[in-house]
PDB file of N, CA and C in Angstrom:
ATOM      1  N   MET A   1      95.214  71.095 193.281  1.00  0.00           N
ATOM      2  CA  MET A   1      96.269  72.005 193.677  1.00  0.00           C
ATOM      3  C   MET A   1      95.680  72.958 194.710  1.00  0.00           C
ATOM      4  N   ALA A   2      96.421  73.158 195.794  1.00  0.00           N
ATOM      5  CA  ALA A   2      95.991  74.060 196.849  1.00  0.00           C
ATOM      6  C   ALA A   2      96.917  75.277 196.891  1.00  0.00           C
ATOM      7  N   GLY A   3      96.360  76.433 197.161  1.00  0.00           N
ATOM      8  CA  GLY A   3      97.144  77.660 197.273  1.00  0.00           C
ATOM      9  C   GLY A   3      96.489  78.790 196.527  1.00  0.00           C
ATOM     10  N   PRO A   4      97.062  79.956 196.482  1.00  0.00           N
ATOM     11  CA  PRO A   4      98.409  80.247 196.983  1.00  0.00           C
ATOM     12  C   PRO A   4      98.424  80.454 198.498  1.00  0.00           C
ATOM     13  N   PHE A   5      99.536  80.027 199.076  1.00  0.00           N
ATOM     14  CA  PHE A   5      99.790  80.197 200.494  1.00  0.00           C
ATOM     15  C   PHE A   5     101.080  80.979 200.672  1.00  0.00           C
ATOM     16  N   SER A   6     101.221  81.622 201.812  1.00  0.00           N
ATOM     17  CA  SER A   6     102.467  82.314 202.132  1.00  0.00           C
ATOM     18  C   SER A   6     103.530  81.277 202.477  1.00  0.00           C
ATOM     19  N   LEU A   7     104.671  81.356 201.826  1.00  0.00           N
ATOM     20  CA  LEU A   7     105.763  80.416 202.086  1.00  0.00           C
ATOM     21  C   LEU A   7     106.239  80.516 203.536  1.00  0.00           C
ATOM     22  N   ARG A   8     106.063  81.675 204.125  1.00  0.00           N
ATOM     23  CA  ARG A   8     106.442  81.878 205.531  1.00  0.00           C
ATOM     24  C   ARG A   8     105.674  80.931 206.452  1.00  0.00           C
ATOM     25  N   TYR A   9     104.436  80.589 206.067  1.00  0.00           N
ATOM     26  CA  TYR A   9     103.586  79.736 206.902  1.00  0.00           C
ATOM     27  C   TYR A   9     103.417  78.337 206.320  1.00  0.00           C
ATOM     28  N   LEU A  10     104.425  77.894 205.633  1.00  0.00           N
ATOM     29  CA  LEU A  10     104.444  76.575 205.011  1.00  0.00           C
ATOM     30  C   LEU A  10     103.976  75.484 205.967  1.00  0.00           C
ATOM     31  N   HIS A  11     104.476  75.506 207.184  1.00  0.00           N
ATOM     32  CA  HIS A  11     104.184  74.461 208.169  1.00  0.00           C
ATOM     33  C   HIS A  11     102.696  74.350 208.519  1.00  0.00           C
ATOM     34  N   LEU A  12     101.926  75.396 208.253  1.00  0.00           N
ATOM     35  CA  LEU A  12     100.488  75.349 208.539  1.00  0.00           C
ATOM     36  C   LEU A  12      99.694  74.644 207.444  1.00  0.00           C
ATOM     37  N   PHE A  13     100.248  74.557 206.257  1.00  0.00           N
ATOM     38  CA  PHE A  13      99.501  74.048 205.115  1.00  0.00           C
ATOM     39  C   PHE A  13      99.995  72.710 204.574  1.00  0.00           C
ATOM     40  N   VAL A  14     101.282  72.439 204.699  1.00  0.00           N
ATOM     41  CA  VAL A  14     101.848  71.183 204.190  1.00  0.00           C
ATOM     42  C   VAL A  14     102.280  70.368 205.400  1.00  0.00           C
ATOM     43  N   LYS A  15     101.438  69.424 205.775  1.00  0.00           N
ATOM     44  CA  LYS A  15     101.671  68.696 207.020  1.00  0.00           C
ATOM     45  C   LYS A  15     102.042  67.236 206.825  1.00  0.00           C
ATOM     46  N   GLU A  16     101.772  66.687 205.645  1.00  0.00           N
ATOM     47  CA  GLU A  16     102.058  65.277 205.399  1.00  0.00           C
ATOM     48  C   GLU A  16     103.429  65.103 204.773  1.00  0.00           C
ATOM     49  N   ARG A  17     104.059  63.990 205.065  1.00  0.00           N
ATOM     50  CA  ARG A  17     105.279  63.619 204.352  1.00  0.00           C
ATOM     51  C   ARG A  17     104.827  62.778 203.169  1.00  0.00           C
ATOM     52  N   SER A  18     104.957  63.344 201.986  1.00  0.00           N
ATOM     53  CA  SER A  18     104.430  62.698 200.788  1.00  0.00           C
ATOM     54  C   SER A  18     105.145  63.226 199.561  1.00  0.00           C
ATOM     55  N   ALA A  19     105.143  62.419 198.521  1.00  0.00           N
ATOM     56  CA  ALA A  19     105.587  62.915 197.211  1.00  0.00           C
ATOM     57  C   ALA A  19     104.646  64.033 196.806  1.00  0.00           C
ATOM     58  N   GLY A  20     105.158  64.960 195.998  1.00  0.00           N
ATOM     59  CA  GLY A  20     104.294  66.047 195.559  1.00  0.00           C
ATOM     60  C   GLY A  20     104.992  66.983 194.607  1.00  0.00           C
ATOM     61  N   ALA A  21     104.219  67.925 194.097  1.00  0.00           N
ATOM     62  CA  ALA A  21     104.740  68.953 193.199  1.00  0.00           C
ATOM     63  C   ALA A  21     104.321  70.307 193.743  1.00  0.00           C
ATOM     64  N   PHE A  22     105.062  71.343 193.340  1.00  0.00           N
ATOM     65  CA  PHE A  22     104.764  72.674 193.855  1.00  0.00           C
ATOM     66  C   PHE A  22     105.117  73.750 192.841  1.00  0.00           C
ATOM     67  N   ILE A  23     104.500  74.898 193.032  1.00  0.00           N
ATOM     68  CA  ILE A  23     104.775  76.094 192.243  1.00  0.00           C
ATOM     69  C   ILE A  23     105.163  77.191 193.221  1.00  0.00           C
ATOM     70  N   LEU A  24     106.229  77.914 192.917  1.00  0.00           N
ATOM     71  CA  LEU A  24     106.655  79.047 193.731  1.00  0.00           C
ATOM     72  C   LEU A  24     106.434  80.338 192.959  1.00  0.00           C
ATOM     73  N   SER A  25     106.120  81.409 193.714  1.00  0.00           N
ATOM     74  CA  SER A  25     105.821  82.686 193.090  1.00  0.00           C
ATOM     75  C   SER A  25     106.332  83.824 193.949  1.00  0.00           C
ATOM     76  N   ARG A  26     106.768  84.870 193.292  1.00  0.00           N
ATOM     77  CA  ARG A  26     107.175  86.080 194.011  1.00  0.00           C
ATOM     78  C   ARG A  26     105.966  86.939 194.368  1.00  0.00           C
ATOM     79  N   ASP A  27     104.965  86.970 193.463  1.00  0.00           N
ATOM     80  CA  ASP A  27     103.837  87.887 193.646  1.00  0.00           C
ATOM     81  C   ASP A  27     102.508  87.203 193.986  1.00  0.00           C
ATOM     82  N   GLY A  28     102.467  85.880 194.017  1.00  0.00           N
ATOM     83  CA  GLY A  28     101.235  85.164 194.328  1.00  0.00           C
ATOM     84  C   GLY A  28     100.269  85.070 193.161  1.00  0.00           C
ATOM     85  N   LYS A  29     100.703  85.527 191.990  1.00  0.00           N
ATOM     86  CA  LYS A  29      99.836  85.505 190.813  1.00  0.00           C
ATOM     87  C   LYS A  29     100.396  84.681 189.673  1.00  0.00           C
ATOM     88  N   SER A  30     101.712  84.641 189.538  1.00  0.00           N
ATOM     89  CA  SER A  30     102.325  83.940 188.415  1.00  0.00           C
ATOM     90  C   SER A  30     103.324  82.907 188.914  1.00  0.00           C
ATOM     91  N   ALA A  31     103.557  81.899 188.087  1.00  0.00           N
ATOM     92  CA  ALA A  31     104.499  80.837 188.424  1.00  0.00           C
ATOM     93  C   ALA A  31     105.907  81.279 188.064  1.00  0.00           C
ATOM     94  N   ASP A  32     106.783  81.293 189.059  1.00  0.00           N
ATOM     95  CA  ASP A  32     108.184  81.615 188.815  1.00  0.00           C
ATOM     96  C   ASP A  32     109.062  80.368 188.818  1.00  0.00           C
ATOM     97  N   PHE A  33     108.661  79.348 189.559  1.00  0.00           N
ATOM     98  CA  PHE A  33     109.435  78.112 189.632  1.00  0.00           C
ATOM     99  C   PHE A  33     108.481  76.955 189.895  1.00  0.00           C
ATOM    100  N   VAL A  34     108.697  75.837 189.217  1.00  0.00           N
ATOM    101  CA  VAL A  34     107.926  74.616 189.449  1.00  0.00           C
ATOM    102  C   VAL A  34     108.901  73.529 189.855  1.00  0.00           C
ATOM    103  N   GLY A  35     108.552  72.793 190.897  1.00  0.00           N
ATOM    104  CA  GLY A  35     109.424  71.728 191.367  1.00  0.00           C
ATOM    105  C   GLY A  35     108.626  70.551 191.877  1.00  0.00           C
ATOM    106  N   LYS A  36     109.348  69.561 192.383  1.00  0.00           N
ATOM    107  CA  LYS A  36     108.706  68.351 192.894  1.00  0.00           C
ATOM    108  C   LYS A  36     109.578  67.712 193.960  1.00  0.00           C
ATOM    109  N   SER A  37     108.986  66.771 194.654  1.00  0.00           N
ATOM    110  CA  SER A  37     109.734  65.938 195.579  1.00  0.00           C
ATOM    111  C   SER A  37     109.224  64.511 195.433  1.00  0.00           C
ATOM    112  N   ALA A  38     110.149  63.579 195.414  1.00  0.00           N
ATOM    113  CA  ALA A  38     109.786  62.168 195.287  1.00  0.00           C
ATOM    114  C   ALA A  38     109.215  61.602 196.579  1.00  0.00           C
ATOM    115  N   ASP A  39     109.533  62.251 197.725  1.00  0.00           N
ATOM    116  CA  ASP A  39     109.084  61.665 198.983  1.00  0.00           C
ATOM    117  C   ASP A  39     108.667  62.646 200.072  1.00  0.00           C
ATOM    118  N   ASP A  40     109.021  63.931 199.961  1.00  0.00           N
ATOM    119  CA  ASP A  40     108.676  64.877 201.033  1.00  0.00           C
ATOM    120  C   ASP A  40     108.553  66.294 200.479  1.00  0.00           C
ATOM    121  N   VAL A  41     107.377  66.615 200.002  1.00  0.00           N
ATOM    122  CA  VAL A  41     107.160  67.930 199.389  1.00  0.00           C
ATOM    123  C   VAL A  41     107.336  69.062 200.411  1.00  0.00           C
ATOM    124  N   ALA A  42     107.038  68.821 201.672  1.00  0.00           N
ATOM    125  CA  ALA A  42     107.228  69.853 202.702  1.00  0.00           C
ATOM    126  C   ALA A  42     108.706  70.203 202.853  1.00  0.00           C
ATOM    127  N   ALA A  43     109.563  69.197 202.880  1.00  0.00           N
ATOM    128  CA  ALA A  43     111.006  69.439 202.995  1.00  0.00           C
ATOM    129  C   ALA A  43     111.532  70.167 201.764  1.00  0.00           C
ATOM    130  N   ALA A  44     111.051  69.774 200.590  1.00  0.00           N
ATOM    131  CA  ALA A  44     111.486  70.428 199.354  1.00  0.00           C
ATOM    132  C   ALA A  44     111.094  71.905 199.375  1.00  0.00           C
ATOM    133  N   LEU A  45     109.877  72.197 199.779  1.00  0.00           N
ATOM    134  CA  LEU A  45     109.439  73.592 199.873  1.00  0.00           C
ATOM    135  C   LEU A  45     110.218  74.349 200.946  1.00  0.00           C
ATOM    136  N   GLY A  46     110.553  73.665 202.025  1.00  0.00           N
ATOM    137  CA  GLY A  46     111.293  74.298 203.114  1.00  0.00           C
ATOM    138  C   GLY A  46     112.643  74.842 202.687  1.00  0.00           C
ATOM    139  N   ARG A  47     113.223  74.273 201.658  1.00  0.00           N
ATOM    140  CA  ARG A  47     114.515  74.757 201.162  1.00  0.00           C
ATOM    141  C   ARG A  47     114.395  76.133 200.505  1.00  0.00           C
ATOM    142  N   PHE A  48     113.185  76.575 200.249  1.00  0.00           N
ATOM    143  CA  PHE A  48     112.979  77.861 199.583  1.00  0.00           C
ATOM    144  C   PHE A  48     112.493  78.964 200.528  1.00  0.00           C
ATOM    145  N   THR A  49     112.448  78.707 201.825  1.00  0.00           N
ATOM    146  CA  THR A  49     111.909  79.715 202.741  1.00  0.00           C
ATOM    147  C   THR A  49     112.774  80.969 202.815  1.00  0.00           C
ATOM    148  N   ARG A  50     114.031  80.873 202.508  1.00  0.00           N
ATOM    149  CA  ARG A  50     114.918  82.048 202.479  1.00  0.00           C
ATOM    150  C   ARG A  50     115.307  82.371 201.036  1.00  0.00           C
ATOM    151  N   SER A  51     114.313  82.464 200.210  1.00  0.00           N
ATOM    152  CA  SER A  51     114.516  82.757 198.789  1.00  0.00           C
ATOM    153  C   SER A  51     113.648  83.960 198.422  1.00  0.00           C
ATOM    154  N   PRO A  52     113.730  84.425 197.199  1.00  0.00           N
ATOM    155  CA  PRO A  52     112.887  85.553 196.804  1.00  0.00           C
ATOM    156  C   PRO A  52     111.409  85.172 196.632  1.00  0.00           C
ATOM    157  N   TYR A  53     111.096  83.877 196.701  1.00  0.00           N
ATOM    158  CA  TYR A  53     109.716  83.448 196.541  1.00  0.00           C
ATOM    159  C   TYR A  53     108.936  83.688 197.826  1.00  0.00           C
ATOM    160  N   ARG A  54     107.701  84.155 197.683  1.00  0.00           N
ATOM    161  CA  ARG A  54     106.883  84.455 198.857  1.00  0.00           C
ATOM    162  C   ARG A  54     105.636  83.589 198.949  1.00  0.00           C
ATOM    163  N   TYR A  55     105.217  82.974 197.829  1.00  0.00           N
ATOM    164  CA  TYR A  55     103.971  82.216 197.796  1.00  0.00           C
ATOM    165  C   TYR A  55     104.194  80.859 197.138  1.00  0.00           C
ATOM    166  N   PHE A  56     103.292  79.919 197.432  1.00  0.00           N
ATOM    167  CA  PHE A  56     103.380  78.602 196.811  1.00  0.00           C
ATOM    168  C   PHE A  56     102.002  77.970 196.664  1.00  0.00           C
ATOM    169  N   TRP A  57     101.940  77.059 195.714  1.00  0.00           N
ATOM    170  CA  TRP A  57     100.825  76.144 195.523  1.00  0.00           C
ATOM    171  C   TRP A  57     101.440  74.754 195.603  1.00  0.00           C
ATOM    172  N   PHE A  58     100.644  73.756 195.951  1.00  0.00           N
ATOM    173  CA  PHE A  58     101.202  72.405 195.995  1.00  0.00           C
ATOM    174  C   PHE A  58     100.107  71.364 195.825  1.00  0.00           C
ATOM    175  N   ALA A  59     100.543  70.154 195.550  1.00  0.00           N
ATOM    176  CA  ALA A  59      99.640  69.003 195.494  1.00  0.00           C
ATOM    177  C   ALA A  59     100.401  67.775 195.958  1.00  0.00           C
ATOM    178  N   TYR A  60      99.768  66.990 196.809  1.00  0.00           N
ATOM    179  CA  TYR A  60     100.312  65.690 197.174  1.00  0.00           C
ATOM    180  C   TYR A  60     100.001  64.710 196.046  1.00  0.00           C
ATOM    181  N   VAL A  61     100.885  63.757 195.832  1.00  0.00           N
ATOM    182  CA  VAL A  61     100.645  62.687 194.872  1.00  0.00           C
ATOM    183  C   VAL A  61     101.059  61.363 195.505  1.00  0.00           C
ATOM    184  N   SER A  62     100.741  60.269 194.835  1.00  0.00           N
ATOM    185  CA  SER A  62     100.961  58.966 195.458  1.00  0.00           C
ATOM    186  C   SER A  62     102.272  58.284 195.087  1.00  0.00           C
ATOM    187  N   SER A  63     103.039  58.858 194.136  1.00  0.00           N
ATOM    188  CA  SER A  63     104.286  58.201 193.755  1.00  0.00           C
ATOM    189  C   SER A  63     105.281  59.207 193.185  1.00  0.00           C
ATOM    190  N   PRO A  64     106.565  58.859 193.179  1.00  0.00           N
ATOM    191  CA  PRO A  64     107.572  59.729 192.558  1.00  0.00           C
ATOM    192  C   PRO A  64     107.304  59.979 191.074  1.00  0.00           C
ATOM    193  N   ASP A  65     106.841  58.956 190.357  1.00  0.00           N
ATOM    194  CA  ASP A  65     106.532  59.137 188.933  1.00  0.00           C
ATOM    195  C   ASP A  65     105.391  60.123 188.733  1.00  0.00           C
ATOM    196  N   GLU A  66     104.391  60.041 189.586  1.00  0.00           N
ATOM    197  CA  GLU A  66     103.264  60.974 189.482  1.00  0.00           C
ATOM    198  C   GLU A  66     103.728  62.406 189.791  1.00  0.00           C
ATOM    199  N   ALA A  67     104.658  62.565 190.737  1.00  0.00           N
ATOM    200  CA  ALA A  67     105.209  63.893 191.037  1.00  0.00           C
ATOM    201  C   ALA A  67     105.924  64.461 189.814  1.00  0.00           C
ATOM    202  N   THR A  68     106.679  63.623 189.130  1.00  0.00           N
ATOM    203  CA  THR A  68     107.388  64.057 187.929  1.00  0.00           C
ATOM    204  C   THR A  68     106.415  64.451 186.827  1.00  0.00           C
ATOM    205  N   ARG A  69     105.389  63.634 186.624  1.00  0.00           N
ATOM    206  CA  ARG A  69     104.392  63.960 185.594  1.00  0.00           C
ATOM    207  C   ARG A  69     103.689  65.274 185.902  1.00  0.00           C
ATOM    208  N   LEU A  70     103.322  65.484 187.162  1.00  0.00           N
ATOM    209  CA  LEU A  70     102.641  66.721 187.536  1.00  0.00           C
ATOM    210  C   LEU A  70     103.568  67.926 187.384  1.00  0.00           C
ATOM    211  N   GLU A  71     104.820  67.781 187.797  1.00  0.00           N
ATOM    212  CA  GLU A  71     105.791  68.863 187.624  1.00  0.00           C
ATOM    213  C   GLU A  71     105.906  69.242 186.143  1.00  0.00           C
ATOM    214  N   GLN A  72     106.052  68.263 185.279  1.00  0.00           N
ATOM    215  CA  GLN A  72     106.190  68.543 183.852  1.00  0.00           C
ATOM    216  C   GLN A  72     104.921  69.162 183.272  1.00  0.00           C
ATOM    217  N   THR A  73     103.774  68.691 183.715  1.00  0.00           N
ATOM    218  CA  THR A  73     102.506  69.276 183.260  1.00  0.00           C
ATOM    219  C   THR A  73     102.429  70.744 183.656  1.00  0.00           C
ATOM    220  N   TRP A  74     102.789  71.042 184.890  1.00  0.00           N
ATOM    221  CA  TRP A  74     102.746  72.441 185.354  1.00  0.00           C
ATOM    222  C   TRP A  74     103.790  73.298 184.659  1.00  0.00           C
ATOM    223  N   ARG A  75     104.959  72.722 184.351  1.00  0.00           N
ATOM    224  CA  ARG A  75     105.967  73.492 183.605  1.00  0.00           C
ATOM    225  C   ARG A  75     105.429  73.915 182.246  1.00  0.00           C
ATOM    226  N   HIS A  76     104.741  73.003 181.588  1.00  0.00           N
ATOM    227  CA  HIS A  76     104.164  73.321 180.275  1.00  0.00           C
ATOM    228  C   HIS A  76     103.006  74.294 180.398  1.00  0.00           C
ATOM    229  N   ARG A  77     102.154  74.097 181.385  1.00  0.00           N
ATOM    230  CA  ARG A  77     100.954  74.923 181.525  1.00  0.00           C
ATOM    231  C   ARG A  77     101.288  76.347 181.958  1.00  0.00           C
ATOM    232  N   TYR A  78     102.208  76.504 182.914  1.00  0.00           N
ATOM    233  CA  TYR A  78     102.454  77.818 183.516  1.00  0.00           C
ATOM    234  C   TYR A  78     103.725  78.501 183.038  1.00  0.00           C
ATOM    235  N   THR A  79     104.592  77.818 182.325  1.00  0.00           N
ATOM    236  CA  THR A  79     105.842  78.367 181.790  1.00  0.00           C
ATOM    237  C   THR A  79     106.583  79.204 182.844  1.00  0.00           C
ATOM    238  N   PRO A  80     107.059  78.567 183.901  1.00  0.00           N
ATOM    239  CA  PRO A  80     107.737  79.307 184.966  1.00  0.00           C
ATOM    240  C   PRO A  80     109.022  79.975 184.472  1.00  0.00           C
ATOM    241  N   THR A  81     109.249  81.177 184.959  1.00  0.00           N
ATOM    242  CA  THR A  81     110.376  81.978 184.480  1.00  0.00           C
ATOM    243  C   THR A  81     111.725  81.484 184.999  1.00  0.00           C
ATOM    244  N   ASP A  82     111.763  80.820 186.144  1.00  0.00           N
ATOM    245  CA  ASP A  82     113.033  80.453 186.760  1.00  0.00           C
ATOM    246  C   ASP A  82     113.457  79.006 186.527  1.00  0.00           C
ATOM    247  N   ASN A  83     112.661  78.222 185.825  1.00  0.00           N
ATOM    248  CA  ASN A  83     113.054  76.864 185.481  1.00  0.00           C
ATOM    249  C   ASN A  83     113.830  76.900 184.175  1.00  0.00           C
ATOM    250  N   GLY A  84     114.890  76.117 184.116  1.00  0.00           N
ATOM    251  CA  GLY A  84     115.641  76.001 182.866  1.00  0.00           C
ATOM    252  C   GLY A  84     114.920  75.056 181.936  1.00  0.00           C
ATOM    253  N   LEU A  85     115.664  74.419 181.070  1.00  0.00           N
ATOM    254  CA  LEU A  85     115.085  73.416 180.183  1.00  0.00           C
ATOM    255  C   LEU A  85     114.513  72.285 181.012  1.00  0.00           C
ATOM    256  N   ALA A  86     113.522  71.629 180.488  1.00  0.00           N
ATOM    257  CA  ALA A  86     112.921  70.491 181.179  1.00  0.00           C
ATOM    258  C   ALA A  86     114.016  69.495 181.525  1.00  0.00           C
ATOM    259  N   SER A  87     113.976  68.996 182.731  1.00  0.00           N
ATOM    260  CA  SER A  87     115.019  68.060 183.154  1.00  0.00           C
ATOM    261  C   SER A  87     114.449  66.665 183.322  1.00  0.00           C
ATOM    262  N   ARG A  88     115.312  65.700 183.171  1.00  0.00           N
ATOM    263  CA  ARG A  88     114.902  64.325 183.412  1.00  0.00           C
ATOM    264  C   ARG A  88     115.425  63.923 184.779  1.00  0.00           C
ATOM    265  N   ASN A  89     114.761  62.987 185.374  1.00  0.00           N
ATOM    266  CA  ASN A  89     115.048  62.585 186.729  1.00  0.00           C
ATOM    267  C   ASN A  89     115.080  61.063 186.787  1.00  0.00           C
ATOM    268  N   SER A  90     115.843  60.499 187.699  1.00  0.00           N
ATOM    269  CA  SER A  90     115.935  59.049 187.793  1.00  0.00           C
ATOM    270  C   SER A  90     114.582  58.409 188.080  1.00  0.00           C
ATOM    271  N   HIS A  91     113.654  59.158 188.702  1.00  0.00           N
ATOM    272  CA  HIS A  91     112.327  58.616 188.967  1.00  0.00           C
ATOM    273  C   HIS A  91     111.450  58.648 187.718  1.00  0.00           C
ATOM    274  N   ALA A  92     111.925  59.258 186.661  1.00  0.00           N
ATOM    275  CA  ALA A  92     111.077  59.425 185.479  1.00  0.00           C
ATOM    276  C   ALA A  92     111.743  58.861 184.232  1.00  0.00           C
ATOM    277  N   GLU A  93     112.421  57.769 184.364  1.00  0.00           N
ATOM    278  CA  GLU A  93     113.143  57.211 183.226  1.00  0.00           C
ATOM    279  C   GLU A  93     112.247  56.964 182.026  1.00  0.00           C
ATOM    280  N   HIS A  94     110.998  56.613 182.256  1.00  0.00           N
ATOM    281  CA  HIS A  94     110.104  56.288 181.155  1.00  0.00           C
ATOM    282  C   HIS A  94     109.112  57.405 180.864  1.00  0.00           C
ATOM    283  N   TRP A  95     109.298  58.554 181.469  1.00  0.00           N
ATOM    284  CA  TRP A  95     108.385  59.670 181.237  1.00  0.00           C
ATOM    285  C   TRP A  95     108.576  60.204 179.825  1.00  0.00           C
ATOM    286  N   GLN A  96     107.477  60.464 179.143  1.00  0.00           N
ATOM    287  CA  GLN A  96     107.515  61.032 177.809  1.00  0.00           C
ATOM    288  C   GLN A  96     106.655  62.284 177.800  1.00  0.00           C
ATOM    289  N   CYS A  97     107.167  63.338 177.235  1.00  0.00           N
ATOM    290  CA  CYS A  97     106.415  64.581 177.115  1.00  0.00           C
ATOM    291  C   CYS A  97     105.197  64.335 176.238  1.00  0.00           C
ATOM    292  N   THR A  98     104.064  64.872 176.646  1.00  0.00           N
ATOM    293  CA  THR A  98     102.828  64.704 175.887  1.00  0.00           C
ATOM    294  C   THR A  98     102.498  65.928 175.035  1.00  0.00           C
ATOM    295  N   ILE A  99     103.350  66.946 175.069  1.00  0.00           N
ATOM    296  CA  ILE A  99     103.126  68.153 174.290  1.00  0.00           C
ATOM    297  C   ILE A  99     103.815  67.992 172.939  1.00  0.00           C
ATOM    298  N   ALA A 100     103.024  67.915 171.872  1.00  0.00           N
ATOM    299  CA  ALA A 100     103.591  67.737 170.530  1.00  0.00           C
ATOM    300  C   ALA A 100     104.485  68.912 170.174  1.00  0.00           C
ATOM    301  N   GLY A 101     105.697  68.619 169.731  1.00  0.00           N
ATOM    302  CA  GLY A 101     106.613  69.666 169.297  1.00  0.00           C
ATOM    303  C   GLY A 101     107.246  70.467 170.422  1.00  0.00           C
ATOM    304  N   CYS A 102     107.265  69.952 171.621  1.00  0.00           N
ATOM    305  CA  CYS A 102     107.838  70.676 172.761  1.00  0.00           C
ATOM    306  C   CYS A 102     109.346  70.841 172.557  1.00  0.00           C
ATOM    307  N   ALA A 103     109.774  72.065 172.347  1.00  0.00           N
ATOM    308  CA  ALA A 103     111.190  72.329 172.069  1.00  0.00           C
ATOM    309  C   ALA A 103     112.067  72.031 173.282  1.00  0.00           C
ATOM    310  N   ALA A 104     111.620  72.387 174.477  1.00  0.00           N
ATOM    311  CA  ALA A 104     112.429  72.166 175.673  1.00  0.00           C
ATOM    312  C   ALA A 104     112.683  70.675 175.894  1.00  0.00           C
ATOM    313  N   CYS A 105     111.669  69.862 175.734  1.00  0.00           N
ATOM    314  CA  CYS A 105     111.839  68.425 175.924  1.00  0.00           C
ATOM    315  C   CYS A 105     112.666  67.820 174.803  1.00  0.00           C
ATOM    316  N   ALA A 106     112.507  68.296 173.591  1.00  0.00           N
ATOM    317  CA  ALA A 106     113.304  67.803 172.477  1.00  0.00           C
ATOM    318  C   ALA A 106     114.787  68.084 172.713  1.00  0.00           C
ATOM    319  N   LEU A 107     115.110  69.261 173.212  1.00  0.00           N
ATOM    320  CA  LEU A 107     116.509  69.600 173.503  1.00  0.00           C
ATOM    321  C   LEU A 107     117.059  68.714 174.602  1.00  0.00           C
ATOM    322  N   THR A 108     116.267  68.446 175.635  1.00  0.00           N
ATOM    323  CA  THR A 108     116.710  67.605 176.724  1.00  0.00           C
ATOM    324  C   THR A 108     117.005  66.200 176.221  1.00  0.00           C
ATOM    325  N   GLN A 109     116.153  65.675 175.341  1.00  0.00           N
ATOM    326  CA  GLN A 109     116.356  64.329 174.804  1.00  0.00           C
ATOM    327  C   GLN A 109     117.659  64.227 174.024  1.00  0.00           C
ATOM    328  N   THR A 110     118.021  65.240 173.241  1.00  0.00           N
ATOM    329  CA  THR A 110     119.218  65.172 172.409  1.00  0.00           C
ATOM    330  C   THR A 110     120.493  65.332 173.223  1.00  0.00           C
ATOM    331  N   ARG A 111     120.424  65.875 174.402  1.00  0.00           N
ATOM    332  CA  ARG A 111     121.630  66.103 175.223  1.00  0.00           C
ATOM    333  C   ARG A 111     122.078  64.876 175.961  1.00  0.00           C
ATOM    334  N   ARG A 112     121.307  63.822 175.966  1.00  0.00           N
ATOM    335  CA  ARG A 112     121.710  62.614 176.681  1.00  0.00           C
ATOM    336  C   ARG A 112     122.569  61.740 175.839  1.00  0.00           C
TER     337      ARG A 112
END
C-alpha cells in the first residue's frame, strides 16, 4: 500500500490503469472510506476529488477478485467510518469473509 497522498495530486501518484483498492481519509491519519476498482483505480479515485476526502492510500492488484479481497481486508482492518455494511460485488461471487463471527458480513449474507 502506498500513501498517504494528497487527493488533489492523484494524477502524480496513480498512473497505471489497473484493478486496485484504496483508502480515503479526511485527515491523512484514519480511514474514512475504503473502495476498489475492478479495472481502473485511478478513475475510481478521481470520482472523489470533489469530496470531503483530502488524502488516499492505494494498491494496484492483478485482478478484480484480488481488488475485492483487498477491499474487504482493509474494511476489517481499518473499520472505515463512511462505509456501510460489507457489500458483495459481481466480481466477488465466491468471496468468503475470513473474519470469524463478522457481524457485517453475516448481515450481508442473510439479506440476499
